[in-house]
Amino acid sequence: MVSPVETLGTALERREAIAPTTSTKEVLAAIRANELEILPGCPEHDSVNKVLALWRVRSKMVKTRGVSAEGLDWTLESLERLPANDLLEKYACQTSERAAMVFLAKNTGDIVGCITVPRRFIFR
């Protein structure tokens, strides 16, 4: 059986070959350094429309607080292009300094979003 870290690593490597971003590079580097912890209960599953609604609200909160959220804008843009009822796998992850939320399309396993923030601003 493939572990969640292996699943994320494979998806992130595919994404890096096509369109690398600061947030995907950050999470992939943490996996390669064996520093990434995936939080218990992951992956969770939810529809695109629920995730998009939540992250539109969180986006405003992040910007109001002045938090550095790598990948937030491209994640929202990516989610907006997907059918509302498509399912996503959501992985909440962390290192000693950063927290990440990674979204994979359930039907393809492709990365459709990756947001990283300072760990003190953990989201779930």
PDB file of N, CA and C in Angstrom:
ATOM      1  N   MET A   1       0.837  -1.187   0.000  1.00  0.00           N
ATOM      2  CA  MET A   1       0.000   0.000   0.000  1.00  0.00           C
ATOM      3  C   MET A   1       0.884   1.255   0.000  1.00  0.00           C
ATOM      4  N   VAL A   2       0.493   2.232  -0.765  1.00  0.00           N
ATOM      5  CA  VAL A   2       1.260   3.471  -0.901  1.00  0.00           C
ATOM      6  C   VAL A   2       0.908   4.404   0.263  1.00  0.00           C
ATOM      7  N   SER A   3       1.929   4.980   0.887  1.00  0.00           N
ATOM      8  CA  SER A   3       1.700   5.894   2.009  1.00  0.00           C
ATOM      9  C   SER A   3       1.243   7.264   1.494  1.00  0.00           C
ATOM     10  N   PRO A   4       0.595   8.056   2.359  1.00  0.00           N
ATOM     11  CA  PRO A   4       0.204   9.409   1.949  1.00  0.00           C
ATOM     12  C   PRO A   4       1.402  10.260   1.516  1.00  0.00           C
ATOM     13  N   VAL A   5       2.536  10.099   2.176  1.00  0.00           N
ATOM     14  CA  VAL A   5       3.730  10.863   1.789  1.00  0.00           C
ATOM     15  C   VAL A   5       4.179  10.458   0.391  1.00  0.00           C
ATOM     16  N   GLU A   6       4.153   9.164   0.082  1.00  0.00           N
ATOM     17  CA  GLU A   6       4.529   8.706  -1.261  1.00  0.00           C
ATOM     18  C   GLU A   6       3.549   9.226  -2.310  1.00  0.00           C
ATOM     19  N   THR A   7       2.251   9.215  -1.976  1.00  0.00           N
ATOM     20  CA  THR A   7       1.234   9.733  -2.893  1.00  0.00           C
ATOM     21  C   THR A   7       1.501  11.207  -3.202  1.00  0.00           C
ATOM     22  N   LEU A   8       1.744  11.993  -2.146  1.00  0.00           N
ATOM     23  CA  LEU A   8       2.037  13.415  -2.341  1.00  0.00           C
ATOM     24  C   LEU A   8       3.328  13.618  -3.124  1.00  0.00           C
ATOM     25  N   GLY A   9       4.355  12.868  -2.774  1.00  0.00           N
ATOM     26  CA  GLY A   9       5.639  13.004  -3.460  1.00  0.00           C
ATOM     27  C   GLY A   9       5.518  12.762  -4.953  1.00  0.00           C
ATOM     28  N   THR A  10       4.817  11.705  -5.323  1.00  0.00           N
ATOM     29  CA  THR A  10       4.626  11.383  -6.736  1.00  0.00           C
ATOM     30  C   THR A  10       3.854  12.496  -7.453  1.00  0.00           C
ATOM     31  N   ALA A  11       2.771  12.960  -6.839  1.00  0.00           N
ATOM     32  CA  ALA A  11       1.966  14.020  -7.453  1.00  0.00           C
ATOM     33  C   ALA A  11       2.768  15.322  -7.572  1.00  0.00           C
ATOM     34  N   LEU A  12       3.545  15.643  -6.543  1.00  0.00           N
ATOM     35  CA  LEU A  12       4.354  16.868  -6.577  1.00  0.00           C
ATOM     36  C   LEU A  12       5.461  16.785  -7.621  1.00  0.00           C
ATOM     37  N   GLU A  13       6.072  15.626  -7.773  1.00  0.00           N
ATOM     38  CA  GLU A  13       7.101  15.464  -8.812  1.00  0.00           C
ATOM     39  C   GLU A  13       6.512  15.655 -10.199  1.00  0.00           C
ATOM     40  N   ARG A  14       5.298  15.112 -10.432  1.00  0.00           N
ATOM     41  CA  ARG A  14       4.631  15.325 -11.731  1.00  0.00           C
ATOM     42  C   ARG A  14       4.360  16.819 -11.942  1.00  0.00           C
ATOM     43  N   ARG A  15       3.890  17.487 -10.901  1.00  0.00           N
ATOM     44  CA  ARG A  15       3.596  18.923 -10.992  1.00  0.00           C
ATOM     45  C   ARG A  15       4.871  19.718 -11.258  1.00  0.00           C
ATOM     46  N   GLU A  16       5.954  19.354 -10.593  1.00  0.00           N
ATOM     47  CA  GLU A  16       7.229  20.055 -10.773  1.00  0.00           C
ATOM     48  C   GLU A  16       7.731  19.953 -12.205  1.00  0.00           C
ATOM     49  N   ALA A  17       7.472  18.829 -12.846  1.00  0.00           N
ATOM     50  CA  ALA A  17       7.922  18.636 -14.226  1.00  0.00           C
ATOM     51  C   ALA A  17       7.136  19.521 -15.199  1.00  0.00           C
ATOM     52  N   ILE A  18       5.917  19.891 -14.820  1.00  0.00           N
ATOM     53  CA  ILE A  18       5.047  20.662 -15.708  1.00  0.00           C
ATOM     54  C   ILE A  18       5.059  22.149 -15.365  1.00  0.00           C
ATOM     55  N   ALA A  19       4.777  22.467 -14.118  1.00  0.00           N
ATOM     56  CA  ALA A  19       4.619  23.871 -13.715  1.00  0.00           C
ATOM     57  C   ALA A  19       4.978  24.034 -12.237  1.00  0.00           C
ATOM     58  N   PRO A  20       6.260  24.116 -11.922  1.00  0.00           N
ATOM     59  CA  PRO A  20       6.649  24.248 -10.519  1.00  0.00           C
ATOM     60  C   PRO A  20       6.218  25.592  -9.930  1.00  0.00           C
ATOM     61  N   THR A  21       5.904  25.575  -8.649  1.00  0.00           N
ATOM     62  CA  THR A  21       5.569  26.801  -7.923  1.00  0.00           C
ATOM     63  C   THR A  21       6.385  26.819  -6.635  1.00  0.00           C
ATOM     64  N   THR A  22       6.435  27.957  -5.998  1.00  0.00           N
ATOM     65  CA  THR A  22       7.172  28.075  -4.740  1.00  0.00           C
ATOM     66  C   THR A  22       6.617  27.107  -3.700  1.00  0.00           C
ATOM     67  N   SER A  23       5.300  27.019  -3.596  1.00  0.00           N
ATOM     68  CA  SER A  23       4.698  26.162  -2.575  1.00  0.00           C
ATOM     69  C   SER A  23       4.922  24.677  -2.865  1.00  0.00           C
ATOM     70  N   THR A  24       4.812  24.260  -4.128  1.00  0.00           N
ATOM     71  CA  THR A  24       5.044  22.840  -4.435  1.00  0.00           C
ATOM     72  C   THR A  24       6.508  22.476  -4.240  1.00  0.00           C
ATOM     73  N   LYS A  25       7.402  23.392  -4.589  1.00  0.00           N
ATOM     74  CA  LYS A  25       8.834  23.138  -4.363  1.00  0.00           C
ATOM     75  C   LYS A  25       9.122  22.982  -2.876  1.00  0.00           C
ATOM     76  N   GLU A  26       8.494  23.826  -2.075  1.00  0.00           N
ATOM     77  CA  GLU A  26       8.696  23.804  -0.628  1.00  0.00           C
ATOM     78  C   GLU A  26       8.255  22.464  -0.022  1.00  0.00           C
ATOM     79  N   VAL A  27       7.080  21.985  -0.398  1.00  0.00           N
ATOM     80  CA  VAL A  27       6.566  20.730   0.150  1.00  0.00           C
ATOM     81  C   VAL A  27       7.388  19.551  -0.367  1.00  0.00           C
ATOM     82  N   LEU A  28       7.738  19.567  -1.641  1.00  0.00           N
ATOM     83  CA  LEU A  28       8.541  18.481  -2.196  1.00  0.00           C
ATOM     84  C   LEU A  28       9.920  18.421  -1.531  1.00  0.00           C
ATOM     85  N   ALA A  29      10.523  19.562  -1.283  1.00  0.00           N
ATOM     86  CA  ALA A  29      11.818  19.596  -0.596  1.00  0.00           C
ATOM     87  C   ALA A  29      11.701  19.008   0.809  1.00  0.00           C
ATOM     88  N   ALA A  30      10.604  19.296   1.497  1.00  0.00           N
ATOM     89  CA  ALA A  30      10.389  18.745   2.842  1.00  0.00           C
ATOM     90  C   ALA A  30      10.225  17.226   2.795  1.00  0.00           C
ATOM     91  N   ILE A  31       9.546  16.726   1.755  1.00  0.00           N
ATOM     92  CA  ILE A  31       9.402  15.270   1.596  1.00  0.00           C
ATOM     93  C   ILE A  31      10.769  14.644   1.361  1.00  0.00           C
ATOM     94  N   ARG A  32      11.531  15.218   0.448  1.00  0.00           N
ATOM     95  CA  ARG A  32      12.858  14.663   0.123  1.00  0.00           C
ATOM     96  C   ARG A  32      13.805  14.698   1.323  1.00  0.00           C
ATOM     97  N   ALA A  33      13.644  15.692   2.204  1.00  0.00           N
ATOM     98  CA  ALA A  33      14.493  15.798   3.403  1.00  0.00           C
ATOM     99  C   ALA A  33      13.921  14.990   4.573  1.00  0.00           C
ATOM    100  N   ASN A  34      12.825  14.293   4.316  1.00  0.00           N
ATOM    101  CA  ASN A  34      12.156  13.483   5.339  1.00  0.00           C
ATOM    102  C   ASN A  34      11.718  14.336   6.533  1.00  0.00           C
ATOM    103  N   GLU A  35      11.259  15.560   6.241  1.00  0.00           N
ATOM    104  CA  GLU A  35      10.845  16.499   7.287  1.00  0.00           C
ATOM    105  C   GLU A  35       9.347  16.770   7.292  1.00  0.00           C
ATOM    106  N   LEU A  36       8.605  16.174   6.357  1.00  0.00           N
ATOM    107  CA  LEU A  36       7.180  16.476   6.247  1.00  0.00           C
ATOM    108  C   LEU A  36       6.366  15.503   7.088  1.00  0.00           C
ATOM    109  N   GLU A  37       5.485  16.052   7.908  1.00  0.00           N
ATOM    110  CA  GLU A  37       4.538  15.252   8.684  1.00  0.00           C
ATOM    111  C   GLU A  37       3.150  15.508   8.121  1.00  0.00           C
ATOM    112  N   ILE A  38       2.477  14.440   7.741  1.00  0.00           N
ATOM    113  CA  ILE A  38       1.088  14.569   7.306  1.00  0.00           C
ATOM    114  C   ILE A  38       0.228  14.356   8.543  1.00  0.00           C
ATOM    115  N   LEU A  39      -0.680  15.269   8.784  1.00  0.00           N
ATOM    116  CA  LEU A  39      -1.480  15.226  10.001  1.00  0.00           C
ATOM    117  C   LEU A  39      -2.463  14.047   9.977  1.00  0.00           C
ATOM    118  N   PRO A  40      -2.780  13.520  11.160  1.00  0.00           N
ATOM    119  CA  PRO A  40      -3.698  12.367  11.246  1.00  0.00           C
ATOM    120  C   PRO A  40      -5.036  12.658  10.565  1.00  0.00           C
ATOM    121  N   GLY A  41      -5.592  11.622   9.968  1.00  0.00           N
ATOM    122  CA  GLY A  41      -6.886  11.738   9.300  1.00  0.00           C
ATOM    123  C   GLY A  41      -6.809  12.110   7.839  1.00  0.00           C
ATOM    124  N   CYS A  42      -5.604  12.334   7.340  1.00  0.00           N
ATOM    125  CA  CYS A  42      -5.432  12.711   5.939  1.00  0.00           C
ATOM    126  C   CYS A  42      -5.121  11.490   5.096  1.00  0.00           C
ATOM    127  N   PRO A  43      -5.612  11.442   3.873  1.00  0.00           N
ATOM    128  CA  PRO A  43      -6.323  12.537   3.220  1.00  0.00           C
ATOM    129  C   PRO A  43      -7.802  12.579   3.606  1.00  0.00           C
ATOM    130  N   GLU A  44      -8.317  13.781   3.649  1.00  0.00           N
ATOM    131  CA  GLU A  44      -9.750  13.993   3.767  1.00  0.00           C
ATOM    132  C   GLU A  44     -10.284  14.199   2.358  1.00  0.00           C
ATOM    133  N   HIS A  45     -11.583  14.038   2.184  1.00  0.00           N
ATOM    134  CA  HIS A  45     -12.195  14.200   0.861  1.00  0.00           C
ATOM    135  C   HIS A  45     -13.312  15.228   0.943  1.00  0.00           C
ATOM    136  N   ASP A  46     -13.393  16.066  -0.073  1.00  0.00           N
ATOM    137  CA  ASP A  46     -14.447  17.063  -0.133  1.00  0.00           C
ATOM    138  C   ASP A  46     -14.637  17.498  -1.575  1.00  0.00           C
ATOM    139  N   SER A  47     -15.748  18.140  -1.849  1.00  0.00           N
ATOM    140  CA  SER A  47     -16.021  18.618  -3.202  1.00  0.00           C
ATOM    141  C   SER A  47     -15.303  19.935  -3.455  1.00  0.00           C
ATOM    142  N   VAL A  48     -15.069  20.202  -4.718  1.00  0.00           N
ATOM    143  CA  VAL A  48     -14.416  21.439  -5.129  1.00  0.00           C
ATOM    144  C   VAL A  48     -15.188  22.643  -4.599  1.00  0.00           C
ATOM    145  N   ASN A  49     -16.513  22.633  -4.734  1.00  0.00           N
ATOM    146  CA  ASN A  49     -17.280  23.818  -4.323  1.00  0.00           C
ATOM    147  C   ASN A  49     -17.142  24.091  -2.827  1.00  0.00           C
ATOM    148  N   LYS A  50     -17.088  23.080  -1.982  1.00  0.00           N
ATOM    149  CA  LYS A  50     -16.922  23.301  -0.538  1.00  0.00           C
ATOM    150  C   LYS A  50     -15.526  23.828  -0.219  1.00  0.00           C
ATOM    151  N   VAL A  51     -14.514  23.247  -0.855  1.00  0.00           N
ATOM    152  CA  VAL A  51     -13.136  23.690  -0.619  1.00  0.00           C
ATOM    153  C   VAL A  51     -12.949  25.113  -1.115  1.00  0.00           C
ATOM    154  N   LEU A  52     -13.482  25.406  -2.278  1.00  0.00           N
ATOM    155  CA  LEU A  52     -13.351  26.749  -2.843  1.00  0.00           C
ATOM    156  C   LEU A  52     -14.040  27.790  -1.959  1.00  0.00           C
ATOM    157  N   ALA A  53     -15.229  27.489  -1.474  1.00  0.00           N
ATOM    158  CA  ALA A  53     -15.939  28.432  -0.594  1.00  0.00           C
ATOM    159  C   ALA A  53     -15.130  28.695   0.675  1.00  0.00           C
ATOM    160  N   LEU A  54     -14.593  27.655   1.275  1.00  0.00           N
ATOM    161  CA  LEU A  54     -13.798  27.805   2.492  1.00  0.00           C
ATOM    162  C   LEU A  54     -12.545  28.638   2.233  1.00  0.00           C
ATOM    163  N   TRP A  55     -11.848  28.348   1.131  1.00  0.00           N
ATOM    164  CA  TRP A  55     -10.583  29.044   0.871  1.00  0.00           C
ATOM    165  C   TRP A  55     -10.771  30.466   0.364  1.00  0.00           C
ATOM    166  N   ARG A  56     -11.921  30.793  -0.165  1.00  0.00           N
ATOM    167  CA  ARG A  56     -12.196  32.198  -0.480  1.00  0.00           C
ATOM    168  C   ARG A  56     -12.268  33.011   0.824  1.00  0.00           C
ATOM    169  N   VAL A  57     -12.909  32.439   1.841  1.00  0.00           N
ATOM    170  CA  VAL A  57     -12.992  33.101   3.143  1.00  0.00           C
ATOM    171  C   VAL A  57     -11.614  33.157   3.784  1.00  0.00           C
ATOM    172  N   ARG A  58     -10.899  32.042   3.781  1.00  0.00           N
ATOM    173  CA  ARG A  58      -9.564  32.017   4.378  1.00  0.00           C
ATOM    174  C   ARG A  58      -8.597  32.953   3.667  1.00  0.00           C
ATOM    175  N   SER A  59      -8.776  33.122   2.378  1.00  0.00           N
ATOM    176  CA  SER A  59      -7.928  34.025   1.617  1.00  0.00           C
ATOM    177  C   SER A  59      -8.040  35.451   2.158  1.00  0.00           C
ATOM    178  N   LYS A  60      -9.257  35.883   2.417  1.00  0.00           N
ATOM    179  CA  LYS A  60      -9.465  37.221   2.978  1.00  0.00           C
ATOM    180  C   LYS A  60      -8.820  37.330   4.356  1.00  0.00           C
ATOM    181  N   MET A  61      -8.968  36.299   5.163  1.00  0.00           N
ATOM    182  CA  MET A  61      -8.401  36.297   6.503  1.00  0.00           C
ATOM    183  C   MET A  61      -6.873  36.356   6.448  1.00  0.00           C
ATOM    184  N   VAL A  62      -6.275  35.558   5.570  1.00  0.00           N
ATOM    185  CA  VAL A  62      -4.822  35.531   5.419  1.00  0.00           C
ATOM    186  C   VAL A  62      -4.306  36.905   4.992  1.00  0.00           C
ATOM    187  N   LYS A  63      -4.960  37.504   4.024  1.00  0.00           N
ATOM    188  CA  LYS A  63      -4.522  38.806   3.522  1.00  0.00           C
ATOM    189  C   LYS A  63      -4.716  39.899   4.563  1.00  0.00           C
ATOM    190  N   THR A  64      -5.815  39.844   5.318  1.00  0.00           N
ATOM    191  CA  THR A  64      -6.058  40.828   6.376  1.00  0.00           C
ATOM    192  C   THR A  64      -4.978  40.755   7.447  1.00  0.00           C
ATOM    193  N   ARG A  65      -4.553  39.549   7.775  1.00  0.00           N
ATOM    194  CA  ARG A  65      -3.536  39.350   8.812  1.00  0.00           C
ATOM    195  C   ARG A  65      -2.110  39.548   8.298  1.00  0.00           C
ATOM    196  N   GLY A  66      -1.961  39.700   7.000  1.00  0.00           N
ATOM    197  CA  GLY A  66      -0.637  39.900   6.430  1.00  0.00           C
ATOM    198  C   GLY A  66       0.236  38.653   6.465  1.00  0.00           C
ATOM    199  N   VAL A  67      -0.393  37.490   6.427  1.00  0.00           N
ATOM    200  CA  VAL A  67       0.334  36.221   6.462  1.00  0.00           C
ATOM    201  C   VAL A  67       0.859  35.894   5.070  1.00  0.00           C
ATOM    202  N   SER A  68       2.087  35.424   5.011  1.00  0.00           N
ATOM    203  CA  SER A  68       2.676  34.994   3.746  1.00  0.00           C
ATOM    204  C   SER A  68       2.127  33.615   3.400  1.00  0.00           C
ATOM    205  N   ALA A  69       1.220  33.560   2.438  1.00  0.00           N
ATOM    206  CA  ALA A  69       0.592  32.305   2.023  1.00  0.00           C
ATOM    207  C   ALA A  69       1.010  31.988   0.589  1.00  0.00           C
ATOM    208  N   GLU A  70       2.057  31.202   0.459  1.00  0.00           N
ATOM    209  CA  GLU A  70       2.537  30.815  -0.873  1.00  0.00           C
ATOM    210  C   GLU A  70       1.526  29.895  -1.543  1.00  0.00           C
ATOM    211  N   GLY A  71       1.237  30.148  -2.804  1.00  0.00           N
ATOM    212  CA  GLY A  71       0.378  29.273  -3.595  1.00  0.00           C
ATOM    213  C   GLY A  71      -1.107  29.532  -3.471  1.00  0.00           C
ATOM    214  N   LEU A  72      -1.503  30.478  -2.641  1.00  0.00           N
ATOM    215  CA  LEU A  72      -2.930  30.717  -2.412  1.00  0.00           C
ATOM    216  C   LEU A  72      -3.648  31.158  -3.683  1.00  0.00           C
ATOM    217  N   ASP A  73      -3.105  32.124  -4.389  1.00  0.00           N
ATOM    218  CA  ASP A  73      -3.792  32.638  -5.583  1.00  0.00           C
ATOM    219  C   ASP A  73      -3.920  31.586  -6.683  1.00  0.00           C
ATOM    220  N   TRP A  74      -2.819  30.855  -6.980  1.00  0.00           N
ATOM    221  CA  TRP A  74      -2.938  29.862  -8.054  1.00  0.00           C
ATOM    222  C   TRP A  74      -3.828  28.702  -7.635  1.00  0.00           C
ATOM    223  N   THR A  75      -3.887  28.399  -6.333  1.00  0.00           N
ATOM    224  CA  THR A  75      -4.785  27.347  -5.871  1.00  0.00           C
ATOM    225  C   THR A  75      -6.237  27.758  -6.099  1.00  0.00           C
ATOM    226  N   LEU A  76      -6.590  28.976  -5.733  1.00  0.00           N
ATOM    227  CA  LEU A  76      -7.962  29.445  -5.954  1.00  0.00           C
ATOM    228  C   LEU A  76      -8.305  29.451  -7.448  1.00  0.00           C
ATOM    229  N   GLU A  77      -7.387  29.929  -8.265  1.00  0.00           N
ATOM    230  CA  GLU A  77      -7.621  29.946  -9.717  1.00  0.00           C
ATOM    231  C   GLU A  77      -7.803  28.531 -10.260  1.00  0.00           C
ATOM    232  N   SER A  78      -6.993  27.613  -9.787  1.00  0.00           N
ATOM    233  CA  SER A  78      -7.079  26.225 -10.231  1.00  0.00           C
ATOM    234  C   SER A  78      -8.412  25.603  -9.823  1.00  0.00           C
ATOM    235  N   LEU A  79      -8.830  25.830  -8.587  1.00  0.00           N
ATOM    236  CA  LEU A  79     -10.101  25.279  -8.107  1.00  0.00           C
ATOM    237  C   LEU A  79     -11.282  25.866  -8.871  1.00  0.00           C
ATOM    238  N   GLU A  80     -11.202  27.134  -9.219  1.00  0.00           N
ATOM    239  CA  GLU A  80     -12.293  27.783  -9.959  1.00  0.00           C
ATOM    240  C   GLU A  80     -12.492  27.176 -11.345  1.00  0.00           C
ATOM    241  N   ARG A  81     -11.472  26.559 -11.903  1.00  0.00           N
ATOM    242  CA  ARG A  81     -11.567  25.958 -13.243  1.00  0.00           C
ATOM    243  C   ARG A  81     -12.127  24.535 -13.206  1.00  0.00           C
ATOM    244  N   LEU A  82     -12.251  23.949 -12.026  1.00  0.00           N
ATOM    245  CA  LEU A  82     -12.720  22.568 -11.921  1.00  0.00           C
ATOM    246  C   LEU A  82     -14.237  22.497 -11.767  1.00  0.00           C
ATOM    247  N   PRO A  83     -14.857  21.399 -12.201  1.00  0.00           N
ATOM    248  CA  PRO A  83     -16.293  21.221 -11.961  1.00  0.00           C
ATOM    249  C   PRO A  83     -16.585  21.225 -10.455  1.00  0.00           C
ATOM    250  N   ALA A  84     -17.634  21.911 -10.068  1.00  0.00           N
ATOM    251  CA  ALA A  84     -17.953  22.133  -8.653  1.00  0.00           C
ATOM    252  C   ALA A  84     -18.115  20.850  -7.850  1.00  0.00           C
ATOM    253  N   ASN A  85     -18.595  19.790  -8.471  1.00  0.00           N
ATOM    254  CA  ASN A  85     -18.856  18.559  -7.730  1.00  0.00           C
ATOM    255  C   ASN A  85     -17.719  17.540  -7.785  1.00  0.00           C
ATOM    256  N   ASP A  86     -16.632  17.876  -8.469  1.00  0.00           N
ATOM    257  CA  ASP A  86     -15.475  16.973  -8.471  1.00  0.00           C
ATOM    258  C   ASP A  86     -14.959  16.808  -7.045  1.00  0.00           C
ATOM    259  N   LEU A  87     -14.443  15.627  -6.746  1.00  0.00           N
ATOM    260  CA  LEU A  87     -13.902  15.372  -5.412  1.00  0.00           C
ATOM    261  C   LEU A  87     -12.410  15.651  -5.355  1.00  0.00           C
ATOM    262  N   LEU A  88     -11.993  16.146  -4.199  1.00  0.00           N
ATOM    263  CA  LEU A  88     -10.587  16.423  -3.925  1.00  0.00           C
ATOM    264  C   LEU A  88     -10.122  15.589  -2.741  1.00  0.00           C
ATOM    265  N   GLU A  89      -8.831  15.257  -2.757  1.00  0.00           N
ATOM    266  CA  GLU A  89      -8.172  14.723  -1.573  1.00  0.00           C
ATOM    267  C   GLU A  89      -7.417  15.889  -0.957  1.00  0.00           C
ATOM    268  N   LYS A  90      -7.578  16.084   0.352  1.00  0.00           N
ATOM    269  CA  LYS A  90      -6.931  17.198   1.043  1.00  0.00           C
ATOM    270  C   LYS A  90      -5.914  16.635   2.034  1.00  0.00           C
ATOM    271  N   TYR A  91      -4.692  17.129   1.937  1.00  0.00           N
ATOM    272  CA  TYR A  91      -3.614  16.717   2.831  1.00  0.00           C
ATOM    273  C   TYR A  91      -3.148  17.921   3.639  1.00  0.00           C
ATOM    274  N   ALA A  92      -3.315  17.858   4.955  1.00  0.00           N
ATOM    275  CA  ALA A  92      -2.767  18.873   5.845  1.00  0.00           C
ATOM    276  C   ALA A  92      -1.415  18.362   6.323  1.00  0.00           C
ATOM    277  N   CYS A  93      -0.375  19.174   6.148  1.00  0.00           N
ATOM    278  CA  CYS A  93       0.999  18.752   6.426  1.00  0.00           C
ATOM    279  C   CYS A  93       1.716  19.839   7.202  1.00  0.00           C
ATOM    280  N   GLN A  94       2.843  19.448   7.797  1.00  0.00           N
ATOM    281  CA  GLN A  94       3.656  20.443   8.479  1.00  0.00           C
ATOM    282  C   GLN A  94       5.104  20.004   8.586  1.00  0.00           C
ATOM    283  N   THR A  95       5.960  21.005   8.719  1.00  0.00           N
ATOM    284  CA  THR A  95       7.356  20.802   9.090  1.00  0.00           C
ATOM    285  C   THR A  95       7.530  21.571  10.401  1.00  0.00           C
ATOM    286  N   SER A  96       8.745  21.687  10.860  1.00  0.00           N
ATOM    287  CA  SER A  96       8.960  22.422  12.109  1.00  0.00           C
ATOM    288  C   SER A  96       8.631  23.907  11.968  1.00  0.00           C
ATOM    289  N   GLU A  97       8.679  24.430  10.736  1.00  0.00           N
ATOM    290  CA  GLU A  97       8.470  25.872  10.541  1.00  0.00           C
ATOM    291  C   GLU A  97       7.261  26.246   9.690  1.00  0.00           C
ATOM    292  N   ARG A  98       6.792  25.346   8.834  1.00  0.00           N
ATOM    293  CA  ARG A  98       5.728  25.684   7.889  1.00  0.00           C
ATOM    294  C   ARG A  98       4.590  24.667   7.972  1.00  0.00           C
ATOM    295  N   ALA A  99       3.406  25.124   7.590  1.00  0.00           N
ATOM    296  CA  ALA A  99       2.237  24.259   7.450  1.00  0.00           C
ATOM    297  C   ALA A  99       1.804  24.320   5.988  1.00  0.00           C
ATOM    298  N   ALA A 100       1.223  23.240   5.514  1.00  0.00           N
ATOM    299  CA  ALA A 100       0.796  23.195   4.116  1.00  0.00           C
ATOM    300  C   ALA A 100      -0.544  22.489   3.999  1.00  0.00           C
ATOM    301  N   MET A 101      -1.293  22.900   2.991  1.00  0.00           N
ATOM    302  CA  MET A 101      -2.503  22.199   2.599  1.00  0.00           C
ATOM    303  C   MET A 101      -2.338  21.901   1.114  1.00  0.00           C
ATOM    304  N   VAL A 102      -2.405  20.619   0.765  1.00  0.00           N
ATOM    305  CA  VAL A 102      -2.211  20.195  -0.620  1.00  0.00           C
ATOM    306  C   VAL A 102      -3.500  19.538  -1.098  1.00  0.00           C
ATOM    307  N   PHE A 103      -3.934  19.896  -2.286  1.00  0.00           N
ATOM    308  CA  PHE A 103      -5.172  19.382  -2.858  1.00  0.00           C
ATOM    309  C   PHE A 103      -4.858  18.569  -4.110  1.00  0.00           C
ATOM    310  N   LEU A 104      -5.378  17.348  -4.157  1.00  0.00           N
ATOM    311  CA  LEU A 104      -5.240  16.491  -5.328  1.00  0.00           C
ATOM    312  C   LEU A 104      -6.628  16.207  -5.894  1.00  0.00           C
ATOM    313  N   ALA A 105      -6.724  16.173  -7.224  1.00  0.00           N
ATOM    314  CA  ALA A 105      -7.968  15.761  -7.861  1.00  0.00           C
ATOM    315  C   ALA A 105      -8.145  14.271  -7.597  1.00  0.00           C
ATOM    316  N   LYS A 106      -9.256  13.882  -7.033  1.00  0.00           N
ATOM    317  CA  LYS A 106      -9.497  12.474  -6.671  1.00  0.00           C
ATOM    318  C   LYS A 106      -9.460  11.568  -7.895  1.00  0.00           C
ATOM    319  N   ASN A 107      -9.976  12.034  -9.027  1.00  0.00           N
ATOM    320  CA  ASN A 107     -10.069  11.184 -10.214  1.00  0.00           C
ATOM    321  C   ASN A 107      -8.746  11.011 -10.959  1.00  0.00           C
ATOM    322  N   THR A 108      -7.803  11.965 -10.810  1.00  0.00           N
ATOM    323  CA  THR A 108      -6.543  11.860 -11.551  1.00  0.00           C
ATOM    324  C   THR A 108      -5.306  11.772 -10.669  1.00  0.00           C
ATOM    325  N   GLY A 109      -5.440  12.212  -9.419  1.00  0.00           N
ATOM    326  CA  GLY A 109      -4.282  12.266  -8.530  1.00  0.00           C
ATOM    327  C   GLY A 109      -3.367  13.448  -8.797  1.00  0.00           C
ATOM    328  N   ASP A 110      -3.796  14.367  -9.649  1.00  0.00           N
ATOM    329  CA  ASP A 110      -2.983  15.545  -9.970  1.00  0.00           C
ATOM    330  C   ASP A 110      -3.118  16.617  -8.896  1.00  0.00           C
ATOM    331  N   ILE A 111      -2.041  17.348  -8.681  1.00  0.00           N
ATOM    332  CA  ILE A 111      -2.059  18.479  -7.766  1.00  0.00           C
ATOM    333  C   ILE A 111      -2.918  19.588  -8.378  1.00  0.00           C
ATOM    334  N   VAL A 112      -3.902  20.064  -7.631  1.00  0.00           N
ATOM    335  CA  VAL A 112      -4.717  21.183  -8.103  1.00  0.00           C
ATOM    336  C   VAL A 112      -4.588  22.377  -7.168  1.00  0.00           C
ATOM    337  N   GLY A 113      -3.783  22.244  -6.138  1.00  0.00           N
ATOM    338  CA  GLY A 113      -3.543  23.354  -5.235  1.00  0.00           C
ATOM    339  C   GLY A 113      -2.547  22.976  -4.156  1.00  0.00           C
ATOM    340  N   CYS A 114      -1.788  23.972  -3.717  1.00  0.00           N
ATOM    341  CA  CYS A 114      -0.799  23.766  -2.655  1.00  0.00           C
ATOM    342  C   CYS A 114      -0.546  25.124  -2.009  1.00  0.00           C
ATOM    343  N   ILE A 115      -0.888  25.220  -0.727  1.00  0.00           N
ATOM    344  CA  ILE A 115      -0.746  26.472   0.007  1.00  0.00           C
ATOM    345  C   ILE A 115       0.162  26.223   1.208  1.00  0.00           C
ATOM    346  N   THR A 116       1.149  27.088   1.395  1.00  0.00           N
ATOM    347  CA  THR A 116       2.013  26.979   2.563  1.00  0.00           C
ATOM    348  C   THR A 116       1.996  28.294   3.332  1.00  0.00           C
ATOM    349  N   VAL A 117       2.036  28.168   4.660  1.00  0.00           N
ATOM    350  CA  VAL A 117       2.033  29.324   5.559  1.00  0.00           C
ATOM    351  C   VAL A 117       2.982  29.049   6.717  1.00  0.00           C
ATOM    352  N   PRO A 118       3.353  30.096   7.453  1.00  0.00           N
ATOM    353  CA  PRO A 118       4.131  29.856   8.670  1.00  0.00           C
ATOM    354  C   PRO A 118       3.337  28.941   9.610  1.00  0.00           C
ATOM    355  N   ARG A 119       4.016  28.058  10.309  1.00  0.00           N
ATOM    356  CA  ARG A 119       3.334  27.067  11.136  1.00  0.00           C
ATOM    357  C   ARG A 119       2.438  27.703  12.208  1.00  0.00           C
ATOM    358  N   ARG A 120       2.777  28.879  12.681  1.00  0.00           N
ATOM    359  CA  ARG A 120       1.961  29.519  13.700  1.00  0.00           C
ATOM    360  C   ARG A 120       0.551  29.833  13.177  1.00  0.00           C
ATOM    361  N   PHE A 121       0.371  29.767  11.863  1.00  0.00           N
ATOM    362  CA  PHE A 121      -0.926  30.037  11.244  1.00  0.00           C
ATOM    363  C   PHE A 121      -1.473  28.728  10.655  1.00  0.00           C
ATOM    364  N   ILE A 122      -1.592  27.720  11.470  1.00  0.00           N
ATOM    365  CA  ILE A 122      -2.030  26.411  10.971  1.00  0.00           C
ATOM    366  C   ILE A 122      -3.520  26.463  10.629  1.00  0.00           C
ATOM    367  N   PHE A 123      -3.852  25.804   9.537  1.00  0.00           N
ATOM    368  CA  PHE A 123      -5.238  25.689   9.108  1.00  0.00           C
ATOM    369  C   PHE A 123      -5.593  24.218   9.016  1.00  0.00           C
ATOM    370  N   ARG A 124      -6.844  23.939   9.059  1.00  0.00           N
ATOM    371  CA  ARG A 124      -7.268  22.553   8.926  1.00  0.00           C
ATOM    372  C   ARG A 124      -8.664  22.514   8.372  1.00  0.00           C
TER     373      ARG A 124
END
